[in-house]
Amino acid sequence: MEKDFEMEGGIAGTSEVELVRGEDDSETELLRDRFRLSAISISEAEAKKNGMEISKPVVACIANLAFKYTEQLAKDLELFAHHANRKSVNMEDVILSAHRNEHLATSLRAFSHDLKAKEPQSDRKRKKTARKEDRGTM
């Protein structure tokens, strides 16, 4: 039986990449479990609210499908941002991800416009606008 010995970089025979991947896997499992619990709670609450019963296998299936959909959505958003040479996802990426569902895309656009309307214009944006106007008069 082989023993693992701790070394400066980690466990003997285990690369740093494998250790990081293991941490990522455990974090993903924790997120998946929390997501599933939330989906189960929502499903059960909605069923109760509507006077319905829902079987445990159906609830588990809904939770798994919702998590897989969310994982794919996150990957798509990351790709959209990367394609636009950005490191972070913005609202336009989210709206683009809903392009197959026109109702959802419309709702997201309206939500985005509402957020922009509520957001005060920052000093930085005002300065840039003022500079452009100044340059036009010279």
C-alpha atoms as a PDB file:
ATOM      1  CA  MET A   1       0.000   0.000   0.000  1.00  0.00           C
ATOM      2  CA  GLU A   2       1.444   3.335  -1.095  1.00  0.00           C
ATOM      3  CA  LYS A   3       1.555   6.255   1.348  1.00  0.00           C
ATOM      4  CA  ASP A   4       1.247   9.903   0.421  1.00  0.00           C
ATOM      5  CA  PHE A   5       3.816  12.162   2.018  1.00  0.00           C
ATOM      6  CA  GLU A   6       3.428  15.906   2.289  1.00  0.00           C
ATOM      7  CA  MET A   7       6.035  17.911   0.479  1.00  0.00           C
ATOM      8  CA  GLU A   8       6.548  21.633  -0.048  1.00  0.00           C
ATOM      9  CA  GLY A   9       4.286  21.728  -3.127  1.00  0.00           C
ATOM     10  CA  GLY A  10       1.600  19.416  -1.750  1.00  0.00           C
ATOM     11  CA  ILE A  11       1.155  15.676  -1.556  1.00  0.00           C
ATOM     12  CA  ALA A  12       3.838  13.458  -3.106  1.00  0.00           C
ATOM     13  CA  GLY A  13       2.877  12.297  -6.579  1.00  0.00           C
ATOM     14  CA  THR A  14       0.190  14.986  -6.908  1.00  0.00           C
ATOM     15  CA  SER A  15       0.771  17.963  -9.130  1.00  0.00           C
ATOM     16  CA  GLU A  16      -0.269  21.466  -8.199  1.00  0.00           C
ATOM     17  CA  VAL A  17      -2.759  21.459 -11.089  1.00  0.00           C
ATOM     18  CA  GLU A  18      -4.414  18.321  -9.716  1.00  0.00           C
ATOM     19  CA  LEU A  19      -4.713  19.901  -6.278  1.00  0.00           C
ATOM     20  CA  VAL A  20      -6.327  23.033  -7.732  1.00  0.00           C
ATOM     21  CA  ARG A  21      -8.651  20.909  -9.859  1.00  0.00           C
ATOM     22  CA  GLY A  22      -9.649  18.983  -6.737  1.00  0.00           C
ATOM     23  CA  GLU A  23     -10.455  22.232  -4.951  1.00  0.00           C
ATOM     24  CA  ASP A  24     -12.475  23.393  -7.963  1.00  0.00           C
ATOM     25  CA  ASP A  25     -14.360  20.095  -8.041  1.00  0.00           C
ATOM     26  CA  SER A  26     -15.247  20.309  -4.357  1.00  0.00           C
ATOM     27  CA  GLU A  27     -16.360  23.932  -4.796  1.00  0.00           C
ATOM     28  CA  THR A  28     -18.482  22.915  -7.784  1.00  0.00           C
ATOM     29  CA  GLU A  29     -20.037  20.091  -5.774  1.00  0.00           C
ATOM     30  CA  LEU A  30     -20.852  22.498  -2.935  1.00  0.00           C
ATOM     31  CA  LEU A  31     -22.455  24.961  -5.374  1.00  0.00           C
ATOM     32  CA  ARG A  32     -24.371  22.141  -7.076  1.00  0.00           C
ATOM     33  CA  ASP A  33     -25.687  20.893  -3.726  1.00  0.00           C
ATOM     34  CA  ARG A  34     -26.778  24.375  -2.647  1.00  0.00           C
ATOM     35  CA  PHE A  35     -28.370  25.016  -6.029  1.00  0.00           C
ATOM     36  CA  ARG A  36     -30.244  21.701  -5.878  1.00  0.00           C
ATOM     37  CA  LEU A  37     -31.507  22.421  -2.371  1.00  0.00           C
ATOM     38  CA  SER A  38     -32.797  25.800  -3.534  1.00  0.00           C
ATOM     39  CA  ALA A  39     -34.449  24.284  -6.614  1.00  0.00           C
ATOM     40  CA  ILE A  40     -36.074  21.573  -4.478  1.00  0.00           C
ATOM     41  CA  SER A  41     -37.317  24.168  -2.003  1.00  0.00           C
ATOM     42  CA  ILE A  42     -38.781  26.328  -4.792  1.00  0.00           C
ATOM     43  CA  SER A  43     -40.395  23.325  -6.501  1.00  0.00           C
ATOM     44  CA  GLU A  44     -41.990  22.115  -3.299  1.00  0.00           C
ATOM     45  CA  ALA A  45     -43.205  25.617  -2.370  1.00  0.00           C
ATOM     46  CA  GLU A  46     -44.758  26.148  -5.822  1.00  0.00           C
ATOM     47  CA  ALA A  47     -46.424  22.732  -5.734  1.00  0.00           C
ATOM     48  CA  LYS A  48     -47.859  23.447  -2.293  1.00  0.00           C
ATOM     49  CA  LYS A  49     -49.010  26.935  -3.357  1.00  0.00           C
ATOM     50  CA  ASN A  50     -50.862  25.428  -6.327  1.00  0.00           C
ATOM     51  CA  GLY A  51     -52.327  22.532  -4.323  1.00  0.00           C
ATOM     52  CA  MET A  52     -50.289  19.929  -6.158  1.00  0.00           C
ATOM     53  CA  GLU A  53     -48.064  17.067  -5.176  1.00  0.00           C
ATOM     54  CA  ILE A  54     -44.707  16.546  -6.806  1.00  0.00           C
ATOM     55  CA  SER A  55     -42.699  13.344  -6.588  1.00  0.00           C
ATOM     56  CA  LYS A  56     -39.142  13.336  -5.302  1.00  0.00           C
ATOM     57  CA  PRO A  57     -37.660  11.927  -8.568  1.00  0.00           C
ATOM     58  CA  VAL A  58     -39.335  14.727 -10.549  1.00  0.00           C
ATOM     59  CA  VAL A  59     -38.007  17.369  -8.147  1.00  0.00           C
ATOM     60  CA  ALA A  60     -34.517  15.860  -8.382  1.00  0.00           C
ATOM     61  CA  CYS A  61     -34.747  15.866 -12.184  1.00  0.00           C
ATOM     62  CA  ILE A  62     -35.838  19.519 -12.230  1.00  0.00           C
ATOM     63  CA  ALA A  63     -32.981  20.452  -9.901  1.00  0.00           C
ATOM     64  CA  ASN A  64     -30.413  18.606 -12.051  1.00  0.00           C
ATOM     65  CA  LEU A  65     -31.707  20.113 -15.302  1.00  0.00           C
ATOM     66  CA  ALA A  66     -31.730  23.605 -13.827  1.00  0.00           C
ATOM     67  CA  PHE A  67     -28.143  23.212 -12.619  1.00  0.00           C
ATOM     68  CA  LYS A  68     -26.949  21.882 -15.984  1.00  0.00           C
ATOM     69  CA  TYR A  69     -28.718  24.739 -17.768  1.00  0.00           C
ATOM     70  CA  THR A  70     -27.089  27.248 -15.430  1.00  0.00           C
ATOM     71  CA  GLU A  71     -23.657  25.690 -15.986  1.00  0.00           C
ATOM     72  CA  GLN A  72     -24.086  25.962 -19.760  1.00  0.00           C
ATOM     73  CA  LEU A  73     -25.360  29.533 -19.449  1.00  0.00           C
ATOM     74  CA  ALA A  74     -22.278  30.492 -17.426  1.00  0.00           C
ATOM     75  CA  LYS A  75     -20.004  28.951 -20.079  1.00  0.00           C
ATOM     76  CA  ASP A  76     -21.851  30.810 -22.849  1.00  0.00           C
ATOM     77  CA  LEU A  77     -21.601  34.115 -20.996  1.00  0.00           C
ATOM     78  CA  GLU A  78     -17.892  33.591 -20.459  1.00  0.00           C
ATOM     79  CA  LEU A  79     -17.436  32.894 -24.183  1.00  0.00           C
ATOM     80  CA  PHE A  80     -19.418  35.987 -25.184  1.00  0.00           C
ATOM     81  CA  ALA A  81     -17.276  38.192 -22.948  1.00  0.00           C
ATOM     82  CA  HIS A  82     -14.079  36.548 -24.213  1.00  0.00           C
ATOM     83  CA  HIS A  83     -15.190  37.042 -27.829  1.00  0.00           C
ATOM     84  CA  ALA A  84     -15.646  40.759 -27.094  1.00  0.00           C
ATOM     85  CA  ASN A  85     -12.124  40.876 -25.586  1.00  0.00           C
ATOM     86  CA  ARG A  86     -13.450  41.462 -22.074  1.00  0.00           C
ATOM     87  CA  LYS A  87     -12.606  39.677 -18.865  1.00  0.00           C
ATOM     88  CA  SER A  88     -16.010  40.168 -17.275  1.00  0.00           C
ATOM     89  CA  VAL A  89     -19.566  39.501 -18.342  1.00  0.00           C
ATOM     90  CA  ASN A  90     -21.902  42.453 -18.840  1.00  0.00           C
ATOM     91  CA  MET A  91     -25.647  42.879 -19.318  1.00  0.00           C
ATOM     92  CA  GLU A  92     -25.369  42.708 -23.112  1.00  0.00           C
ATOM     93  CA  ASP A  93     -23.901  39.203 -22.802  1.00  0.00           C
ATOM     94  CA  VAL A  94     -26.858  38.138 -20.665  1.00  0.00           C
ATOM     95  CA  ILE A  95     -29.336  39.568 -23.168  1.00  0.00           C
ATOM     96  CA  LEU A  96     -27.483  37.879 -26.034  1.00  0.00           C
ATOM     97  CA  SER A  97     -27.700  34.535 -24.233  1.00  0.00           C
ATOM     98  CA  ALA A  98     -31.504  34.829 -24.330  1.00  0.00           C
ATOM     99  CA  HIS A  99     -31.699  35.366 -28.093  1.00  0.00           C
ATOM    100  CA  ARG A 100     -33.640  32.117 -28.630  1.00  0.00           C
ATOM    101  CA  ASN A 101     -36.351  33.166 -26.177  1.00  0.00           C
ATOM    102  CA  GLU A 102     -37.773  36.475 -27.399  1.00  0.00           C
ATOM    103  CA  HIS A 103     -39.990  36.976 -24.346  1.00  0.00           C
ATOM    104  CA  LEU A 104     -37.023  36.520 -21.996  1.00  0.00           C
ATOM    105  CA  ALA A 105     -34.800  38.752 -24.142  1.00  0.00           C
ATOM    106  CA  THR A 106     -37.451  41.494 -24.114  1.00  0.00           C
ATOM    107  CA  SER A 107     -37.808  41.220 -20.339  1.00  0.00           C
ATOM    108  CA  LEU A 108     -34.041  41.394 -19.879  1.00  0.00           C
ATOM    109  CA  ARG A 109     -33.781  44.447 -22.144  1.00  0.00           C
ATOM    110  CA  ALA A 110     -36.519  46.210 -20.173  1.00  0.00           C
ATOM    111  CA  PHE A 111     -34.784  45.294 -16.914  1.00  0.00           C
ATOM    112  CA  SER A 112     -31.482  46.622 -18.267  1.00  0.00           C
ATOM    113  CA  HIS A 113     -33.081  49.910 -19.336  1.00  0.00           C
ATOM    114  CA  ASP A 114     -34.718  50.269 -15.906  1.00  0.00           C
ATOM    115  CA  LEU A 115     -31.350  49.722 -14.208  1.00  0.00           C
ATOM    116  CA  LYS A 116     -29.651  52.278 -16.444  1.00  0.00           C
ATOM    117  CA  ALA A 117     -32.413  54.811 -15.784  1.00  0.00           C
ATOM    118  CA  LYS A 118     -32.062  54.406 -12.009  1.00  0.00           C
ATOM    119  CA  GLU A 119     -28.257  54.584 -12.093  1.00  0.00           C
ATOM    120  CA  PRO A 120     -26.929  58.120 -11.568  1.00  0.00           C
ATOM    121  CA  GLN A 121     -24.519  59.277 -14.225  1.00  0.00           C
ATOM    122  CA  SER A 122     -21.030  59.041 -12.774  1.00  0.00           C
ATOM    123  CA  ASP A 123     -18.587  61.948 -12.693  1.00  0.00           C
ATOM    124  CA  ARG A 124     -16.265  60.022 -14.962  1.00  0.00           C
ATOM    125  CA  LYS A 125     -18.863  59.797 -17.720  1.00  0.00           C
ATOM    126  CA  ARG A 126     -19.708  63.482 -17.343  1.00  0.00           C
ATOM    127  CA  LYS A 127     -16.055  64.463 -17.724  1.00  0.00           C
ATOM    128  CA  LYS A 128     -15.659  62.423 -20.903  1.00  0.00           C
ATOM    129  CA  THR A 129     -18.767  63.983 -22.388  1.00  0.00           C
ATOM    130  CA  ALA A 130     -17.577  67.461 -21.447  1.00  0.00           C
ATOM    131  CA  ARG A 131     -14.172  66.836 -23.040  1.00  0.00           C
ATOM    132  CA  LYS A 132     -15.726  65.780 -26.323  1.00  0.00           C
ATOM    133  CA  GLU A 133     -17.833  68.912 -26.385  1.00  0.00           C
ATOM    134  CA  ASP A 134     -14.780  71.074 -25.629  1.00  0.00           C
ATOM    135  CA  ARG A 135     -12.822  69.487 -28.468  1.00  0.00           C
ATOM    136  CA  GLY A 136     -15.636  70.160 -30.906  1.00  0.00           C
ATOM    137  CA  THR A 137     -15.478  73.909 -30.251  1.00  0.00           C
ATOM    138  CA  MET A 138     -11.768  74.242 -30.959  1.00  0.00           C
END
